Protein backbone atom coordinates (compact mmCIF):
# COMPACT_ATOMS: atom_id res chain seq x y z
CA MET A 1 -44.72 121.56 -80.29
CA THR A 2 -46.16 122.05 -83.77
CA ILE A 3 -45.21 120.01 -86.83
CA GLU A 4 -43.15 122.95 -88.14
CA GLU A 5 -41.27 123.23 -84.84
CA MET A 6 -40.73 119.48 -84.78
CA ASP A 7 -39.16 119.66 -88.24
CA GLN A 8 -36.74 122.30 -86.94
CA VAL A 9 -35.41 119.99 -84.22
CA ASP A 10 -32.08 118.39 -85.11
CA GLN A 11 -33.02 114.71 -85.22
CA ARG A 12 -29.37 113.68 -85.21
CA GLU A 13 -28.90 115.50 -81.91
CA VAL A 14 -32.01 113.78 -80.51
CA ASP A 15 -30.67 110.39 -81.60
CA ARG A 16 -27.25 111.14 -80.11
CA ARG A 17 -28.65 112.13 -76.73
CA VAL A 18 -31.08 109.21 -76.56
CA ARG A 19 -28.38 106.75 -77.64
CA ASN A 20 -25.92 107.99 -74.98
CA TYR A 21 -28.69 108.00 -72.38
CA ARG A 22 -29.62 104.38 -73.06
CA LEU A 23 -26.00 103.23 -73.35
CA GLN A 24 -24.98 104.74 -70.01
CA LYS A 25 -28.14 103.58 -68.25
CA TYR A 26 -28.11 100.00 -69.55
CA LEU A 27 -24.37 99.50 -69.06
CA GLY A 28 -24.58 100.95 -65.56
CA TRP A 29 -27.38 98.65 -64.45
CA ALA A 30 -25.82 95.65 -66.24
CA GLY A 31 -22.56 96.24 -64.38
CA PHE A 32 -24.50 96.64 -61.15
CA ALA A 33 -26.22 93.28 -61.68
CA LEU A 34 -22.92 91.51 -62.43
CA VAL A 35 -21.15 92.91 -59.37
CA ALA A 36 -24.14 92.10 -57.17
CA ALA A 37 -24.21 88.54 -58.51
CA HIS A 38 -20.47 88.16 -57.87
CA LEU A 39 -20.89 89.47 -54.33
CA LEU A 40 -23.64 86.95 -53.64
CA TYR A 41 -21.48 84.20 -55.12
CA MET A 42 -18.66 85.14 -52.75
CA LEU A 43 -20.94 85.24 -49.74
CA LEU A 44 -22.86 82.04 -50.41
CA ALA A 45 -20.53 79.80 -52.41
CA VAL A 46 -16.87 80.67 -51.99
CA ALA A 47 -16.95 80.48 -48.21
CA PRO A 48 -19.40 79.07 -45.67
CA LEU A 49 -22.12 81.51 -44.74
CA TYR A 50 -21.09 81.61 -41.10
CA TYR A 51 -17.62 82.77 -42.15
CA TRP A 52 -19.08 86.00 -43.52
CA VAL A 53 -21.84 86.47 -40.96
CA GLY A 54 -19.64 86.06 -37.90
CA PHE A 55 -16.59 88.19 -37.25
CA TYR A 56 -14.43 85.16 -36.46
CA GLY A 57 -12.09 84.22 -39.29
CA ARG A 58 -12.36 87.51 -41.19
CA THR A 59 -9.17 89.09 -42.40
CA MET A 60 -8.48 92.64 -43.47
CA THR A 61 -8.40 91.42 -47.08
CA ASP A 62 -11.89 89.97 -46.76
CA ILE A 63 -13.23 93.19 -45.27
CA CYS A 64 -11.59 95.35 -47.94
CA LEU A 65 -12.99 93.09 -50.65
CA LEU A 66 -16.50 93.51 -49.29
CA ILE A 67 -16.11 97.28 -49.04
CA ALA A 68 -14.79 97.41 -52.61
CA HIS A 69 -17.82 95.51 -53.89
CA PHE A 70 -20.28 97.82 -52.14
CA ALA A 71 -18.38 100.90 -53.33
CA LEU A 72 -18.45 99.60 -56.90
CA LEU A 73 -22.19 98.94 -56.62
CA LEU A 74 -22.70 102.53 -55.49
CA VAL A 75 -20.63 103.93 -58.37
CA LEU A 76 -22.48 101.83 -60.95
CA ALA A 77 -25.89 102.81 -59.55
CA LEU A 78 -24.95 106.50 -59.67
CA THR A 79 -23.63 106.06 -63.21
CA ALA A 80 -26.91 104.52 -64.35
CA ARG A 81 -29.02 107.18 -62.66
CA GLY A 82 -26.78 109.91 -64.03
CA ALA A 83 -27.69 108.92 -67.58
CA ASP A 84 -30.67 111.27 -67.33
CA ARG A 85 -28.32 114.22 -67.78
CA TRP A 86 -28.12 113.45 -71.51
CA ILE A 87 -31.83 114.27 -71.75
CA TYR A 88 -32.27 117.02 -69.16
CA SER A 89 -29.22 118.99 -70.28
CA ALA A 90 -31.13 119.75 -73.48
CA LEU A 91 -33.23 122.11 -71.38
CA GLN A 92 -30.99 122.90 -68.42
CA THR A 93 -27.78 123.59 -70.36
CA ALA A 94 -28.70 124.00 -74.04
CA CYS A 95 -31.89 125.94 -73.16
CA ASP A 96 -33.76 124.17 -75.97
CA PRO A 97 -37.22 123.03 -74.78
CA PHE A 98 -38.05 121.76 -78.28
CA LEU A 99 -35.06 119.42 -78.29
CA PHE A 100 -35.95 118.40 -74.73
CA GLU A 101 -39.53 117.50 -75.68
CA ALA A 102 -38.32 115.43 -78.65
CA CYS A 103 -35.98 113.51 -76.32
CA VAL A 104 -38.63 112.97 -73.64
CA TYR A 105 -40.80 111.05 -76.11
CA HIS A 106 -38.04 108.39 -76.22
CA MET A 107 -37.89 107.92 -72.43
CA GLY A 108 -39.84 105.25 -70.57
CA PHE A 109 -39.67 106.70 -67.03
CA CYS A 110 -39.92 103.14 -65.66
CA GLY A 111 -43.51 102.92 -66.83
CA ASN A 112 -44.61 106.08 -64.98
CA SER A 113 -46.72 107.79 -67.66
CA ASN A 114 -47.55 110.69 -65.33
CA LEU A 115 -43.85 111.51 -64.96
CA LYS A 116 -43.53 111.58 -68.73
CA GLN A 117 -46.55 113.87 -68.97
CA LEU A 118 -45.01 116.21 -66.39
CA ASN A 119 -41.78 116.53 -68.35
CA LEU A 120 -43.71 117.16 -71.56
CA ALA A 121 -45.68 119.90 -69.78
CA VAL A 122 -42.43 121.50 -68.58
CA ALA A 123 -41.05 121.45 -72.13
CA GLN A 124 -44.24 122.94 -73.58
CA TYR A 125 -44.37 125.65 -70.92
CA TYR A 126 -40.82 126.79 -71.63
CA GLN A 127 -41.57 126.79 -75.36
CA GLY A 128 -44.40 129.20 -74.67
CA SER A 129 -47.06 126.68 -75.76
CA PHE A 130 -49.23 127.45 -72.76
CA ARG A 131 -52.50 125.95 -73.95
CA GLN A 132 -50.79 122.72 -74.89
CA ALA A 133 -48.96 122.68 -71.55
CA MET A 134 -52.25 123.26 -69.71
CA ASP A 135 -53.90 120.37 -71.53
CA THR A 136 -50.95 118.11 -70.70
CA VAL A 137 -50.73 119.03 -67.03
CA MET A 138 -54.50 118.72 -66.55
CA HIS A 139 -54.21 115.08 -67.65
CA THR A 140 -51.40 114.38 -65.18
CA ASP A 141 -51.94 112.68 -61.81
CA PRO A 142 -49.41 114.02 -59.25
CA SER A 143 -50.10 111.38 -56.58
CA SER A 144 -46.90 109.45 -57.42
CA PHE A 145 -44.64 112.53 -57.50
CA LYS A 146 -42.13 113.22 -54.76
CA LYS A 147 -39.79 116.06 -53.88
CA THR A 148 -38.69 118.04 -56.96
CA ASN A 149 -41.16 116.36 -59.31
CA ARG A 150 -43.97 117.37 -56.99
CA LEU A 151 -42.69 120.95 -56.87
CA ASN A 152 -42.36 121.04 -60.67
CA TYR A 153 -45.98 119.97 -61.08
CA TYR A 154 -47.46 122.56 -58.73
CA ILE A 155 -45.25 125.42 -59.94
CA ILE A 156 -46.05 124.76 -63.62
CA LYS A 157 -49.77 124.34 -62.95
CA SER A 158 -49.88 127.49 -60.80
CA ALA A 159 -48.04 129.47 -63.47
CA LEU A 160 -50.53 128.32 -66.10
CA PHE A 161 -53.51 129.30 -63.95
CA PHE A 162 -52.00 132.78 -63.59
CA ARG A 163 -51.43 132.91 -67.34
CA PHE A 164 -55.09 132.24 -68.09
CA GLY A 165 -56.58 134.47 -65.40
CA GLU A 166 -57.60 131.65 -63.05
CA LYS A 167 -55.57 132.78 -60.05
CA GLU A 168 -58.37 131.79 -57.67
CA GLN A 169 -57.42 128.16 -58.44
CA VAL A 170 -53.86 128.68 -57.18
CA SER A 171 -54.79 128.74 -53.48
CA GLY A 172 -56.35 125.31 -53.92
CA LEU A 173 -53.09 124.02 -55.40
CA GLU A 174 -51.13 125.42 -52.46
CA ASN A 175 -53.49 123.72 -50.02
CA GLU A 176 -53.19 120.47 -51.95
CA PHE A 177 -49.40 120.66 -51.81
CA GLN A 178 -49.59 121.41 -48.08
CA ARG A 179 -51.55 118.21 -47.49
CA ARG A 180 -48.92 116.17 -49.34
CA ILE A 181 -45.94 117.41 -47.29
CA SER A 182 -44.02 114.44 -45.91
CA GLY A 183 -40.59 115.74 -44.96
CA ARG A 184 -38.21 118.66 -44.59
CA GLU A 185 -37.55 118.97 -48.32
CA ASP A 186 -41.29 119.19 -48.99
CA GLN A 187 -41.54 121.98 -46.42
CA LYS A 188 -38.81 123.93 -48.23
CA ASN A 189 -40.49 123.30 -51.58
CA MET A 190 -43.77 124.58 -50.15
CA ARG A 191 -42.03 127.83 -49.25
CA ILE A 192 -40.61 128.05 -52.79
CA LEU A 193 -44.06 127.52 -54.30
CA CYS A 194 -45.61 130.20 -52.08
CA ALA A 195 -42.78 132.67 -52.79
CA VAL A 196 -43.19 132.23 -56.57
CA ASN A 197 -46.98 132.54 -56.41
CA ASN A 198 -46.86 135.53 -54.05
CA LEU A 199 -44.44 137.21 -56.45
CA LYS A 200 -47.01 136.86 -59.21
CA ARG A 201 -49.81 138.14 -56.95
CA ALA A 202 -47.75 141.17 -55.92
CA ARG A 203 -46.98 142.02 -59.56
CA GLU A 204 -50.63 141.71 -60.54
CA ASN A 205 -51.54 144.05 -57.68
CA GLY A 206 -48.85 146.54 -58.72
CA ASP A 207 -47.03 146.16 -55.39
CA LEU A 208 -43.43 146.16 -56.61
CA GLU A 209 -41.95 146.43 -53.12
CA PHE A 210 -43.48 143.10 -52.13
CA ALA A 211 -42.72 141.66 -55.57
CA TRP A 212 -39.03 142.33 -55.03
CA LYS A 213 -39.26 140.91 -51.51
CA PHE A 214 -40.72 137.63 -52.75
CA PHE A 215 -38.23 137.54 -55.62
CA TRP A 216 -35.28 137.68 -53.21
CA GLU A 217 -36.98 135.18 -50.91
CA TYR A 218 -37.38 132.83 -53.85
CA LEU A 219 -33.71 133.19 -54.83
CA ALA A 220 -32.60 132.46 -51.28
CA LEU A 221 -34.70 129.28 -51.19
CA ALA A 222 -33.98 128.04 -54.72
CA ASP A 223 -30.17 128.03 -54.57
CA ARG A 224 -28.95 131.29 -56.07
CA GLY A 225 -25.62 129.66 -56.86
CA SER A 226 -27.11 127.24 -59.39
CA GLN A 227 -24.93 127.06 -62.49
CA GLU A 228 -27.59 125.60 -64.77
CA GLN A 229 -27.96 127.94 -67.74
CA TRP A 230 -31.75 127.87 -67.84
CA ALA A 231 -31.85 128.83 -64.14
CA LYS A 232 -29.63 131.85 -64.80
CA VAL A 233 -31.76 132.89 -67.77
CA SER A 234 -34.96 132.46 -65.77
CA ARG A 235 -33.64 134.64 -62.95
CA ALA A 236 -32.39 137.29 -65.37
CA TRP A 237 -35.77 137.35 -67.14
CA GLN A 238 -37.69 137.75 -63.88
CA ALA A 239 -35.32 140.50 -62.75
CA GLY A 240 -35.80 142.20 -66.12
CA LEU A 241 -39.58 142.19 -65.68
CA LEU A 242 -39.32 143.73 -62.23
CA GLU A 243 -36.78 146.33 -63.36
CA GLU A 244 -38.99 147.17 -66.34
CA GLU A 245 -42.03 147.65 -64.13
CA SER A 246 -39.94 149.69 -61.67
CA GLY A 247 -38.95 152.06 -64.48
CA SER A 248 -35.25 151.12 -64.40
CA ASP A 249 -34.56 151.02 -68.12
CA THR A 250 -30.80 150.47 -67.87
CA ALA A 251 -31.12 147.59 -65.41
CA ALA A 252 -33.95 146.04 -67.42
CA ARG A 253 -31.91 146.22 -70.63
CA SER A 254 -28.94 144.61 -68.91
CA ALA A 255 -31.06 141.72 -67.64
CA TYR A 256 -32.84 141.25 -70.96
CA ALA A 257 -29.56 141.39 -72.87
CA TYR A 258 -28.36 138.40 -70.86
CA VAL A 259 -31.60 136.56 -71.62
CA GLU A 260 -31.30 137.29 -75.34
CA ALA A 261 -27.67 136.21 -75.45
CA HIS A 262 -27.99 132.97 -73.49
CA GLY A 263 -31.66 131.95 -73.61
CA ASN A 264 -31.48 130.15 -76.97
CA ARG A 265 -35.06 128.90 -77.63
CA LEU A 266 -36.60 129.52 -74.20
CA MET A 267 -39.80 131.55 -74.26
CA PHE A 268 -38.10 134.30 -72.23
CA VAL A 269 -36.11 135.39 -75.28
CA ARG A 270 -39.26 136.70 -77.00
CA ASP A 271 -39.99 139.04 -74.09
CA ALA A 272 -36.38 140.21 -74.06
CA ARG A 273 -36.37 140.98 -77.79
CA ARG A 274 -39.68 142.85 -77.63
CA TYR A 275 -38.16 145.16 -75.03
CA LEU A 276 -34.69 145.48 -76.54
CA HIS A 277 -35.79 145.78 -80.18
CA PRO A 278 -39.28 147.31 -80.28
CA GLU A 279 -38.61 148.59 -83.79
CA GLU A 280 -38.54 144.99 -85.07
CA ALA A 281 -42.06 144.39 -83.78
CA VAL A 282 -43.25 147.61 -85.45
CA GLN A 283 -41.62 146.64 -88.75
CA ALA A 284 -43.22 143.19 -88.61
CA GLU A 285 -46.66 144.76 -88.20
CA HIS A 286 -46.15 146.86 -91.36
CA GLN A 287 -44.77 144.07 -93.51
CA PRO A 288 -46.78 143.70 -96.76
CA GLY A 289 -48.69 140.51 -97.41
CA PRO A 290 -50.71 138.27 -95.13
CA GLN A 291 -49.71 138.16 -91.48
CA PRO A 292 -49.20 134.80 -89.78
CA VAL A 293 -51.98 133.62 -87.52
CA PRO A 294 -50.76 133.83 -83.92
CA ASP A 295 -50.58 130.58 -82.02
CA ASP A 296 -51.63 129.96 -78.43
CA ARG A 297 -48.60 131.89 -77.18
CA GLU A 298 -50.05 135.18 -78.36
CA LYS A 299 -53.75 134.65 -77.78
CA GLU A 300 -55.98 136.09 -75.14
CA GLY A 301 -55.06 134.93 -71.68
CA GLU A 302 -51.29 135.19 -72.04
CA LYS A 303 -49.42 137.73 -69.97
CA LYS A 304 -45.99 137.99 -68.48
CA ASP A 305 -45.86 136.33 -65.10
CA GLY A 306 -43.21 135.20 -62.68
CA GLY A 307 -41.54 132.27 -64.37
CA THR A 308 -40.74 128.94 -62.83
CA GLU A 309 -37.32 127.61 -62.11
CA ALA A 310 -38.31 124.04 -61.53
CA SER A 311 -34.90 122.45 -61.54
CA GLY A 312 -33.30 119.47 -59.90
CA GLU A 313 -31.63 116.20 -60.69
CA GLY A 314 -32.29 112.51 -60.56
CA GLU A 315 -34.96 110.30 -62.04
CA GLY A 316 -37.48 112.34 -63.94
CA GLN A 317 -36.54 115.55 -62.14
CA LEU A 318 -35.65 118.88 -63.61
């Protein structure tokens, strides 16, 4: 994010989201600590330890009281962990990667600097700042990532390699992900990664039949029913690209119109406007006076590829 783009971010909105995030998180964990301390007090001080350990002497009231404490602990823990939504909704719901990046700078991620770097790379990618995103992700160590965070890292890095014509590096990333698989969710995420990358390969090879096949495979794996706005925009943008390359002008315009209407500041909106309003691009080229110097989003190496829909929930996940 450039200085000019940073100035355009509503700082009051950043402060509001960060304040609500910290308030919900701190109050949630503070309540959790108090309830846990009270539970320990009940177990160790109010009654003899054997009274709670053994079944003898327990009453239904005692059992219900214990269950209520554990249920309250669960609710408070979920409340604290759910505070992340104040930050991630800037991208997932508001579709504003610039606001999201500004908020991420205020998050500690429990001391995990690599997780912070990953989220910054995601924000920069969806802004269209591909060179900056590449620099960020190349300085990120994925060894501590699990589940969705791991998928986010490999999808973003693969997409950037495709952007800059280094697709031979992508197979190495897929093999690296394969070696890190540790459960059923990782296996599903591996299939998502391969579907997204194979979609890009098929488009580069001009094989639209296989591109559509991998697109539908990706949707089936990545939860087509997701209601997150950025996920809908991402899918519409990818469908628009495929329809455009298939020669279906009406379908492409319909998909791009959705992107333009709901994509806010996501990079996809630029592609949609170029297709829907080509006359604006022509007029801009013939404007008198000096033309602005293009940033890394327009330089050599950029091309339309299959976008990522790295979404999720929980600590540090998108």
